[in-house]
Amino acid sequence: MHAITLYDAYIRRIAALLAGVTALAVFLYGGLLLGAVAHTAGRTAAEKQVQHLSASVSTLESAYLTETKALSAERAIALGFVMPTNMSTVYAGAGALTLR
């Protein structure tokens, strides 16, 4: 008899606790679901941007290759380039390149 009285005293608290935990779980599930949808939308937008940038890079590479084929020593001289008279190699020492 004493156990039934004890259970009656705590049954409403336990039911309220379970309802609260269930509400929290539903809220968190909804938040995670919305986050997943937002992530998917962002990924789709990034894929479209990558496709656009890939097409731009392809166009630029094609233009670069076309211009590279047009280069020659004769054209360089016609544009005013001259061969250097003195050529020397410069070396950097071990302590010359630092981040300080």
N, C-alpha and C. Protein backbone atom coordinates (compact mmCIF):
# COMPACT_ATOMS: atom_id res chain seq x y z
N MET A 1 0.80 -1.18 0.00
CA MET A 1 0.00 0.00 0.00
C MET A 1 0.86 1.26 0.00
N HIS A 2 1.94 1.17 0.75
CA HIS A 2 2.85 2.31 0.81
C HIS A 2 3.49 2.55 -0.57
N ALA A 3 3.77 1.48 -1.34
CA ALA A 3 4.38 1.60 -2.67
C ALA A 3 3.44 2.30 -3.64
N ILE A 4 2.16 2.01 -3.57
CA ILE A 4 1.19 2.65 -4.47
C ILE A 4 1.10 4.14 -4.18
N THR A 5 1.14 4.52 -2.96
CA THR A 5 1.11 5.93 -2.59
C THR A 5 2.37 6.63 -3.09
N LEU A 6 3.49 5.95 -3.00
CA LEU A 6 4.74 6.51 -3.50
C LEU A 6 4.70 6.68 -5.01
N TYR A 7 4.19 5.67 -5.73
CA TYR A 7 4.07 5.76 -7.18
C TYR A 7 3.12 6.87 -7.60
N ASP A 8 2.02 7.03 -6.88
CA ASP A 8 1.08 8.10 -7.19
C ASP A 8 1.72 9.48 -7.03
N ALA A 9 2.61 9.60 -6.09
CA ALA A 9 3.27 10.88 -5.84
C ALA A 9 4.23 11.24 -6.97
N TYR A 10 4.87 10.24 -7.56
CA TYR A 10 5.89 10.51 -8.58
C TYR A 10 5.40 10.32 -10.02
N ILE A 11 4.22 9.77 -10.25
CA ILE A 11 3.79 9.44 -11.60
C ILE A 11 3.62 10.69 -12.46
N ARG A 12 3.12 11.77 -11.88
CA ARG A 12 2.94 13.01 -12.66
C ARG A 12 4.29 13.64 -13.00
N ARG A 13 5.21 13.59 -12.09
CA ARG A 13 6.54 14.15 -12.35
C ARG A 13 7.26 13.34 -13.44
N ILE A 14 7.13 12.04 -13.36
CA ILE A 14 7.77 11.19 -14.37
C ILE A 14 7.13 11.42 -15.74
N ALA A 15 5.80 11.53 -15.78
CA ALA A 15 5.12 11.78 -17.05
C ALA A 15 5.52 13.13 -17.62
N ALA A 16 5.65 14.16 -16.78
CA ALA A 16 6.08 15.48 -17.24
C ALA A 16 7.52 15.44 -17.74
N LEU A 17 8.37 14.70 -17.05
CA LEU A 17 9.76 14.56 -17.48
C LEU A 17 9.84 13.87 -18.84
N LEU A 18 9.09 12.79 -19.00
CA LEU A 18 9.10 12.09 -20.30
C LEU A 18 8.55 12.97 -21.41
N ALA A 19 7.51 13.76 -21.11
CA ALA A 19 6.96 14.68 -22.11
C ALA A 19 7.99 15.75 -22.48
N GLY A 20 8.72 16.25 -21.50
CA GLY A 20 9.77 17.24 -21.76
C GLY A 20 10.90 16.66 -22.59
N VAL A 21 11.34 15.46 -22.26
CA VAL A 21 12.41 14.81 -23.02
C VAL A 21 11.95 14.56 -24.46
N THR A 22 10.70 14.13 -24.62
CA THR A 22 10.16 13.89 -25.96
C THR A 22 10.10 15.19 -26.76
N ALA A 23 9.64 16.27 -26.13
CA ALA A 23 9.57 17.56 -26.82
C ALA A 23 10.96 18.04 -27.21
N LEU A 24 11.93 17.87 -26.32
CA LEU A 24 13.30 18.26 -26.64
C LEU A 24 13.86 17.43 -27.79
N ALA A 25 13.58 16.13 -27.79
CA ALA A 25 14.06 15.26 -28.87
C ALA A 25 13.44 15.66 -30.20
N VAL A 26 12.15 15.99 -30.20
CA VAL A 26 11.48 16.40 -31.44
C VAL A 26 12.07 17.73 -31.92
N PHE A 27 12.31 18.66 -31.01
CA PHE A 27 12.91 19.95 -31.38
C PHE A 27 14.30 19.76 -31.97
N LEU A 28 15.13 18.95 -31.33
CA LEU A 28 16.48 18.72 -31.85
C LEU A 28 16.45 18.00 -33.20
N TYR A 29 15.54 17.05 -33.35
CA TYR A 29 15.42 16.35 -34.63
C TYR A 29 15.04 17.34 -35.74
N GLY A 30 14.10 18.24 -35.45
CA GLY A 30 13.71 19.25 -36.44
C GLY A 30 14.88 20.16 -36.80
N GLY A 31 15.64 20.56 -35.79
CA GLY A 31 16.81 21.41 -36.06
C GLY A 31 17.85 20.71 -36.90
N LEU A 32 18.12 19.46 -36.58
CA LEU A 32 19.10 18.71 -37.37
C LEU A 32 18.61 18.47 -38.79
N LEU A 33 17.31 18.24 -38.94
CA LEU A 33 16.75 18.04 -40.27
C LEU A 33 16.86 19.32 -41.10
N LEU A 34 16.55 20.47 -40.49
CA LEU A 34 16.69 21.74 -41.21
C LEU A 34 18.15 22.02 -41.54
N GLY A 35 19.06 21.66 -40.65
CA GLY A 35 20.48 21.83 -40.94
C GLY A 35 20.94 20.98 -42.11
N ALA A 36 20.42 19.76 -42.19
CA ALA A 36 20.78 18.89 -43.31
C ALA A 36 20.25 19.44 -44.63
N VAL A 37 19.04 19.97 -44.60
CA VAL A 37 18.47 20.56 -45.82
C VAL A 37 19.29 21.78 -46.24
N ALA A 38 19.66 22.63 -45.29
CA ALA A 38 20.48 23.81 -45.61
C ALA A 38 21.84 23.39 -46.15
N HIS A 39 22.43 22.35 -45.58
CA HIS A 39 23.72 21.87 -46.06
C HIS A 39 23.62 21.36 -47.50
N THR A 40 22.55 20.64 -47.79
CA THR A 40 22.35 20.12 -49.14
C THR A 40 22.16 21.25 -50.13
N ALA A 41 21.40 22.27 -49.75
CA ALA A 41 21.20 23.42 -50.63
C ALA A 41 22.52 24.15 -50.87
N GLY A 42 23.32 24.30 -49.84
CA GLY A 42 24.63 24.95 -49.99
C GLY A 42 25.56 24.15 -50.88
N ARG A 43 25.51 22.83 -50.74
CA ARG A 43 26.35 21.98 -51.58
C ARG A 43 25.94 22.08 -53.04
N THR A 44 24.64 22.14 -53.30
CA THR A 44 24.16 22.28 -54.67
C THR A 44 24.63 23.60 -55.26
N ALA A 45 24.54 24.67 -54.49
CA ALA A 45 25.00 25.98 -54.97
C ALA A 45 26.50 25.95 -55.24
N ALA A 46 27.27 25.29 -54.38
CA ALA A 46 28.72 25.19 -54.57
C ALA A 46 29.05 24.39 -55.82
N GLU A 47 28.29 23.32 -56.08
CA GLU A 47 28.54 22.53 -57.29
C GLU A 47 28.28 23.35 -58.55
N LYS A 48 27.24 24.18 -58.54
CA LYS A 48 26.96 25.03 -59.70
C LYS A 48 28.08 26.04 -59.89
N GLN A 49 28.58 26.60 -58.79
CA GLN A 49 29.68 27.55 -58.89
C GLN A 49 30.94 26.87 -59.41
N VAL A 50 31.20 25.66 -58.97
CA VAL A 50 32.38 24.92 -59.45
C VAL A 50 32.27 24.66 -60.95
N GLN A 51 31.09 24.29 -61.42
CA GLN A 51 30.89 24.06 -62.85
C GLN A 51 31.13 25.34 -63.63
N HIS A 52 30.63 26.47 -63.12
CA HIS A 52 30.83 27.75 -63.81
C HIS A 52 32.31 28.12 -63.84
N LEU A 53 33.00 27.95 -62.71
CA LEU A 53 34.42 28.28 -62.66
C LEU A 53 35.24 27.34 -63.53
N SER A 54 34.85 26.09 -63.60
CA SER A 54 35.56 25.13 -64.45
C SER A 54 35.44 25.53 -65.91
N ALA A 55 34.27 25.98 -66.32
CA ALA A 55 34.10 26.44 -67.70
C ALA A 55 34.94 27.68 -67.97
N SER A 56 35.01 28.59 -66.99
CA SER A 56 35.83 29.79 -67.15
C SER A 56 37.31 29.44 -67.26
N VAL A 57 37.76 28.52 -66.43
CA VAL A 57 39.17 28.11 -66.47
C VAL A 57 39.48 27.44 -67.81
N SER A 58 38.56 26.64 -68.30
CA SER A 58 38.77 25.98 -69.59
C SER A 58 38.90 27.00 -70.71
N THR A 59 38.06 28.03 -70.68
CA THR A 59 38.14 29.08 -71.70
C THR A 59 39.47 29.81 -71.60
N LEU A 60 39.91 30.13 -70.40
CA LEU A 60 41.19 30.82 -70.22
C LEU A 60 42.37 29.94 -70.64
N GLU A 61 42.31 28.65 -70.36
CA GLU A 61 43.39 27.75 -70.78
C GLU A 61 43.46 27.68 -72.30
N SER A 62 42.32 27.66 -72.94
CA SER A 62 42.29 27.63 -74.40
C SER A 62 42.91 28.89 -74.98
N ALA A 63 42.56 30.04 -74.40
CA ALA A 63 43.14 31.31 -74.87
C ALA A 63 44.65 31.33 -74.61
N TYR A 64 45.08 30.81 -73.47
CA TYR A 64 46.51 30.76 -73.16
C TYR A 64 47.27 29.90 -74.17
N LEU A 65 46.72 28.73 -74.48
CA LEU A 65 47.39 27.85 -75.43
C LEU A 65 47.44 28.48 -76.82
N THR A 66 46.38 29.17 -77.21
CA THR A 66 46.37 29.85 -78.51
C THR A 66 47.45 30.92 -78.57
N GLU A 67 47.56 31.71 -77.49
CA GLU A 67 48.58 32.77 -77.46
C GLU A 67 49.98 32.19 -77.37
N THR A 68 50.15 31.08 -76.67
CA THR A 68 51.46 30.45 -76.55
C THR A 68 51.95 29.94 -77.89
N LYS A 69 51.04 29.40 -78.70
CA LYS A 69 51.43 28.90 -80.02
C LYS A 69 51.90 30.03 -80.93
N ALA A 70 51.38 31.24 -80.68
CA ALA A 70 51.75 32.38 -81.53
C ALA A 70 53.11 32.96 -81.17
N LEU A 71 53.70 32.57 -80.05
CA LEU A 71 55.00 33.11 -79.65
C LEU A 71 56.14 32.47 -80.45
N SER A 72 57.08 33.32 -80.81
CA SER A 72 58.29 32.85 -81.49
C SER A 72 59.39 33.87 -81.25
N ALA A 73 60.61 33.48 -81.53
CA ALA A 73 61.73 34.41 -81.35
C ALA A 73 61.60 35.61 -82.28
N GLU A 74 61.14 35.39 -83.50
CA GLU A 74 60.99 36.49 -84.46
C GLU A 74 59.93 37.49 -83.99
N ARG A 75 58.83 36.98 -83.45
CA ARG A 75 57.77 37.87 -82.97
C ARG A 75 58.25 38.65 -81.75
N ALA A 76 59.02 38.01 -80.88
CA ALA A 76 59.55 38.70 -79.71
C ALA A 76 60.46 39.85 -80.13
N ILE A 77 61.31 39.61 -81.12
CA ILE A 77 62.20 40.67 -81.61
C ILE A 77 61.38 41.78 -82.25
N ALA A 78 60.32 41.42 -82.97
CA ALA A 78 59.46 42.43 -83.58
C ALA A 78 58.73 43.27 -82.53
N LEU A 79 58.44 42.69 -81.38
CA LEU A 79 57.78 43.43 -80.30
C LEU A 79 58.76 44.26 -79.47
N GLY A 80 60.06 44.13 -79.71
CA GLY A 80 61.04 44.95 -79.03
C GLY A 80 61.86 44.24 -77.97
N PHE A 81 61.73 42.96 -77.83
CA PHE A 81 62.54 42.23 -76.87
C PHE A 81 63.94 42.05 -77.42
N VAL A 82 64.94 42.14 -76.55
CA VAL A 82 66.33 41.96 -76.95
C VAL A 82 66.96 40.88 -76.08
N MET A 83 67.93 40.21 -76.60
CA MET A 83 68.65 39.19 -75.84
C MET A 83 69.54 39.88 -74.81
N PRO A 84 69.60 39.37 -73.59
CA PRO A 84 70.45 39.99 -72.57
C PRO A 84 71.92 39.78 -72.89
N THR A 85 72.73 40.79 -72.52
CA THR A 85 74.17 40.69 -72.80
C THR A 85 74.90 39.97 -71.67
N ASN A 86 74.57 40.30 -70.46
CA ASN A 86 75.21 39.65 -69.30
C ASN A 86 74.16 38.85 -68.55
N MET A 87 74.46 37.60 -68.35
CA MET A 87 73.56 36.76 -67.56
C MET A 87 74.34 36.19 -66.40
N SER A 88 73.77 36.28 -65.20
CA SER A 88 74.41 35.70 -64.03
C SER A 88 73.32 35.05 -63.18
N THR A 89 73.74 34.05 -62.42
CA THR A 89 72.82 33.34 -61.56
C THR A 89 72.98 33.84 -60.14
N VAL A 90 71.90 34.08 -59.46
CA VAL A 90 71.92 34.56 -58.08
C VAL A 90 71.41 33.44 -57.18
N TYR A 91 72.18 33.14 -56.15
CA TYR A 91 71.80 32.09 -55.20
C TYR A 91 71.48 32.74 -53.85
N ALA A 92 70.47 32.21 -53.18
CA ALA A 92 70.14 32.67 -51.84
C ALA A 92 70.81 31.74 -50.84
N GLY A 93 71.39 32.34 -49.82
CA GLY A 93 72.04 31.54 -48.79
C GLY A 93 71.03 30.88 -47.88
N ALA A 94 71.51 30.02 -46.98
CA ALA A 94 70.63 29.26 -46.10
C ALA A 94 69.88 30.17 -45.13
N GLY A 95 70.50 31.25 -44.67
CA GLY A 95 69.86 32.15 -43.70
C GLY A 95 69.11 33.29 -44.35
N ALA A 96 69.10 33.37 -45.66
CA ALA A 96 68.48 34.52 -46.34
C ALA A 96 66.96 34.42 -46.35
N LEU A 97 66.40 33.26 -46.35
CA LEU A 97 64.95 33.11 -46.42
C LEU A 97 64.41 32.71 -45.06
N THR A 98 63.88 33.70 -44.34
CA THR A 98 63.29 33.43 -43.02
C THR A 98 61.94 34.10 -42.93
N LEU A 99 61.19 33.73 -41.90
CA LEU A 99 59.88 34.33 -41.66
C LEU A 99 59.94 35.42 -40.59
N ARG A 100 61.10 35.77 -40.17
CA ARG A 100 61.26 36.79 -39.13
C ARG A 100 61.22 38.16 -39.70
